[in-house]
Amino acid sequence: MRILVIAAAVMALTVASAQAQGRRPPNDGAKPADNKPKVDEKAYKAALERIPEPKDKYDPWGGARPSEPAKKPK
C-alpha cells in the first residue's frame, strides 16, 4: 500500500511539472518590439583598429614556470 501511495505521488508531481512547462501566455498577435541595438560596422572596425598591438607575446603559463631555463654552472 505504501509503495502505491509513493508511486501515485511521483506520478502526480511528474504530470504537474509537465503541465507547467506546456503553458504559454496568450498571444495578442502583436510583434514583440525589437530592443536590440543596431550594429554599426564602421564604428566596430574603427574601434578594433584603435586597440594597440602588444609588444610581447602573452604567455599564460609565465607565472607557473620560469621564462628562461636555468643554466647549469660547470
N, C-alpha and C. Protein backbone atom coordinates (compact mmCIF):
# COMPACT_ATOMS: atom_id res chain seq x y z
N MET A 1 0.83 -1.19 0.00
CA MET A 1 0.00 0.00 0.00
C MET A 1 0.87 1.25 0.00
N ARG A 2 1.92 1.21 0.83
CA ARG A 2 2.80 2.37 0.93
C ARG A 2 3.47 2.65 -0.43
N ILE A 3 3.88 1.61 -1.14
CA ILE A 3 4.53 1.77 -2.44
C ILE A 3 3.56 2.38 -3.44
N LEU A 4 2.30 1.98 -3.38
CA LEU A 4 1.29 2.50 -4.28
C LEU A 4 1.09 4.01 -4.06
N VAL A 5 1.07 4.45 -2.81
CA VAL A 5 0.90 5.86 -2.50
C VAL A 5 2.10 6.67 -2.98
N ILE A 6 3.31 6.14 -2.77
CA ILE A 6 4.52 6.84 -3.22
C ILE A 6 4.56 6.94 -4.74
N ALA A 7 4.19 5.87 -5.42
CA ALA A 7 4.17 5.87 -6.89
C ALA A 7 3.15 6.88 -7.41
N ALA A 8 1.99 6.97 -6.77
CA ALA A 8 0.97 7.94 -7.19
C ALA A 8 1.45 9.37 -6.98
N ALA A 9 2.17 9.61 -5.88
CA ALA A 9 2.69 10.96 -5.62
C ALA A 9 3.74 11.34 -6.65
N VAL A 10 4.61 10.41 -7.00
CA VAL A 10 5.64 10.68 -8.01
C VAL A 10 4.98 10.97 -9.36
N MET A 11 4.01 10.21 -9.72
CA MET A 11 3.30 10.43 -10.99
C MET A 11 2.60 11.79 -11.00
N ALA A 12 1.98 12.17 -9.89
CA ALA A 12 1.29 13.45 -9.82
C ALA A 12 2.27 14.60 -9.97
N LEU A 13 3.42 14.50 -9.33
CA LEU A 13 4.43 15.56 -9.45
C LEU A 13 4.99 15.64 -10.86
N THR A 14 5.17 14.51 -11.51
CA THR A 14 5.68 14.49 -12.88
C THR A 14 4.68 15.13 -13.83
N VAL A 15 3.43 14.80 -13.69
CA VAL A 15 2.40 15.36 -14.57
C VAL A 15 2.24 16.85 -14.31
N ALA A 16 2.33 17.28 -13.07
CA ALA A 16 2.17 18.70 -12.75
C ALA A 16 3.31 19.52 -13.35
N SER A 17 4.53 19.00 -13.30
CA SER A 17 5.65 19.75 -13.87
C SER A 17 5.56 19.79 -15.39
N ALA A 18 5.08 18.73 -16.00
CA ALA A 18 4.93 18.71 -17.45
C ALA A 18 3.86 19.70 -17.88
N GLN A 19 2.78 19.82 -17.12
CA GLN A 19 1.74 20.79 -17.46
C GLN A 19 2.24 22.21 -17.30
N ALA A 20 3.05 22.46 -16.31
CA ALA A 20 3.57 23.80 -16.09
C ALA A 20 4.50 24.23 -17.22
N GLN A 21 5.22 23.30 -17.80
CA GLN A 21 6.12 23.62 -18.89
C GLN A 21 5.37 23.90 -20.18
N GLY A 22 4.21 23.33 -20.34
CA GLY A 22 3.47 23.48 -21.58
C GLY A 22 2.64 24.74 -21.65
N ARG A 23 2.46 25.45 -20.58
CA ARG A 23 1.60 26.63 -20.60
C ARG A 23 2.30 27.81 -21.24
N ARG A 24 1.60 28.54 -22.08
CA ARG A 24 2.13 29.72 -22.74
C ARG A 24 1.19 30.90 -22.49
N PRO A 25 1.72 32.09 -22.36
CA PRO A 25 0.83 33.24 -22.22
C PRO A 25 0.08 33.49 -23.52
N PRO A 26 -1.11 34.03 -23.44
CA PRO A 26 -1.88 34.26 -24.67
C PRO A 26 -1.17 35.27 -25.57
N ASN A 27 -1.20 35.01 -26.87
CA ASN A 27 -0.55 35.89 -27.84
C ASN A 27 -1.59 36.84 -28.42
N ASP A 28 -1.31 38.13 -28.33
CA ASP A 28 -2.25 39.12 -28.84
C ASP A 28 -2.09 39.34 -30.34
N GLY A 29 -1.14 38.68 -30.97
CA GLY A 29 -0.93 38.85 -32.39
C GLY A 29 0.01 40.01 -32.71
N ALA A 30 0.44 40.73 -31.70
CA ALA A 30 1.34 41.86 -31.93
C ALA A 30 2.77 41.35 -31.92
N LYS A 31 3.60 41.94 -32.78
CA LYS A 31 5.01 41.57 -32.83
C LYS A 31 5.72 42.16 -31.62
N PRO A 32 6.64 41.42 -31.04
CA PRO A 32 7.41 41.99 -29.94
C PRO A 32 8.35 43.09 -30.46
N ALA A 33 8.57 44.09 -29.64
CA ALA A 33 9.42 45.19 -30.04
C ALA A 33 10.87 44.73 -30.13
N ASP A 34 11.57 45.20 -31.15
CA ASP A 34 12.98 44.84 -31.34
C ASP A 34 13.83 45.81 -30.52
N ASN A 35 14.27 45.34 -29.34
CA ASN A 35 15.03 46.20 -28.44
C ASN A 35 16.53 46.07 -28.62
N LYS A 36 16.98 45.28 -29.59
CA LYS A 36 18.40 45.10 -29.80
C LYS A 36 18.99 46.35 -30.47
N PRO A 37 20.15 46.80 -29.98
CA PRO A 37 20.77 47.95 -30.62
C PRO A 37 21.30 47.57 -32.00
N LYS A 38 21.28 48.50 -32.92
CA LYS A 38 21.78 48.27 -34.27
C LYS A 38 23.30 48.27 -34.24
N VAL A 39 23.90 47.36 -34.97
CA VAL A 39 25.35 47.25 -35.01
C VAL A 39 25.87 48.13 -36.13
N ASP A 40 26.81 48.99 -35.78
CA ASP A 40 27.42 49.87 -36.76
C ASP A 40 28.77 49.27 -37.14
N GLU A 41 28.86 48.72 -38.35
CA GLU A 41 30.07 48.01 -38.76
C GLU A 41 31.28 48.94 -38.85
N LYS A 42 31.09 50.16 -39.32
CA LYS A 42 32.21 51.09 -39.45
C LYS A 42 32.77 51.44 -38.07
N ALA A 43 31.91 51.70 -37.11
CA ALA A 43 32.36 52.04 -35.76
C ALA A 43 33.04 50.84 -35.11
N TYR A 44 32.54 49.65 -35.38
CA TYR A 44 33.13 48.44 -34.81
C TYR A 44 34.55 48.25 -35.34
N LYS A 45 34.73 48.37 -36.65
CA LYS A 45 36.05 48.19 -37.24
C LYS A 45 37.01 49.29 -36.79
N ALA A 46 36.52 50.51 -36.65
CA ALA A 46 37.36 51.61 -36.18
C ALA A 46 37.80 51.37 -34.75
N ALA A 47 36.94 50.83 -33.93
CA ALA A 47 37.30 50.54 -32.54
C ALA A 47 38.34 49.43 -32.48
N LEU A 48 38.23 48.43 -33.35
CA LEU A 48 39.22 47.36 -33.38
C LEU A 48 40.59 47.89 -33.81
N GLU A 49 40.61 48.85 -34.72
CA GLU A 49 41.89 49.41 -35.17
C GLU A 49 42.55 50.24 -34.09
N ARG A 50 41.79 50.79 -33.17
CA ARG A 50 42.36 51.62 -32.10
C ARG A 50 42.99 50.80 -30.98
N ILE A 51 42.77 49.49 -30.96
CA ILE A 51 43.36 48.64 -29.94
C ILE A 51 44.85 48.49 -30.25
N PRO A 52 45.72 48.85 -29.32
CA PRO A 52 47.15 48.76 -29.62
C PRO A 52 47.63 47.31 -29.66
N GLU A 53 48.62 47.05 -30.51
CA GLU A 53 49.21 45.72 -30.61
C GLU A 53 50.17 45.51 -29.44
N PRO A 54 50.16 44.36 -28.79
CA PRO A 54 51.08 44.12 -27.68
C PRO A 54 52.51 43.97 -28.20
N LYS A 55 53.47 44.46 -27.41
CA LYS A 55 54.88 44.37 -27.79
C LYS A 55 55.39 42.95 -27.59
N ASP A 56 55.04 42.34 -26.48
CA ASP A 56 55.47 40.98 -26.18
C ASP A 56 54.31 40.02 -26.34
N LYS A 57 54.64 38.81 -26.74
CA LYS A 57 53.62 37.78 -26.85
C LYS A 57 53.18 37.37 -25.45
N TYR A 58 51.88 37.22 -25.25
CA TYR A 58 51.33 36.87 -23.95
C TYR A 58 51.62 35.40 -23.65
N ASP A 59 52.13 35.15 -22.45
CA ASP A 59 52.43 33.79 -22.01
C ASP A 59 51.55 33.47 -20.80
N PRO A 60 50.47 32.70 -20.98
CA PRO A 60 49.58 32.42 -19.85
C PRO A 60 50.22 31.57 -18.76
N TRP A 61 51.27 30.83 -19.08
CA TRP A 61 51.95 29.98 -18.10
C TRP A 61 53.20 30.65 -17.56
N GLY A 62 53.36 31.93 -17.80
CA GLY A 62 54.55 32.63 -17.37
C GLY A 62 54.77 32.61 -15.87
N GLY A 63 53.74 32.63 -15.08
CA GLY A 63 53.87 32.61 -13.64
C GLY A 63 54.11 31.22 -13.08
N ALA A 64 53.81 30.18 -13.86
CA ALA A 64 53.93 28.82 -13.37
C ALA A 64 55.33 28.24 -13.60
N ARG A 65 56.05 28.78 -14.57
CA ARG A 65 57.40 28.29 -14.86
C ARG A 65 58.29 29.47 -15.21
N PRO A 66 59.58 29.32 -15.05
CA PRO A 66 60.48 30.43 -15.39
C PRO A 66 60.51 30.63 -16.91
N SER A 67 60.69 31.88 -17.34
CA SER A 67 60.68 32.17 -18.76
C SER A 67 61.96 31.69 -19.44
N GLU A 68 63.11 31.73 -18.74
CA GLU A 68 64.38 31.25 -19.27
C GLU A 68 64.80 30.01 -18.49
N PRO A 69 65.24 28.96 -19.16
CA PRO A 69 65.70 27.79 -18.42
C PRO A 69 66.98 28.11 -17.65
N ALA A 70 67.10 27.56 -16.48
CA ALA A 70 68.27 27.81 -15.64
C ALA A 70 69.48 27.09 -16.24
N LYS A 71 70.59 27.83 -16.32
CA LYS A 71 71.83 27.25 -16.87
C LYS A 71 72.63 26.61 -15.76
N LYS A 72 73.18 25.46 -16.03
CA LYS A 72 73.96 24.74 -15.03
C LYS A 72 75.41 25.26 -15.06
N PRO A 73 75.95 25.64 -13.90
CA PRO A 73 77.36 26.06 -13.88
C PRO A 73 78.27 24.84 -14.02
N LYS A 74 79.38 25.06 -14.71
CA LYS A 74 80.32 23.95 -14.93
C LYS A 74 81.37 23.85 -13.88
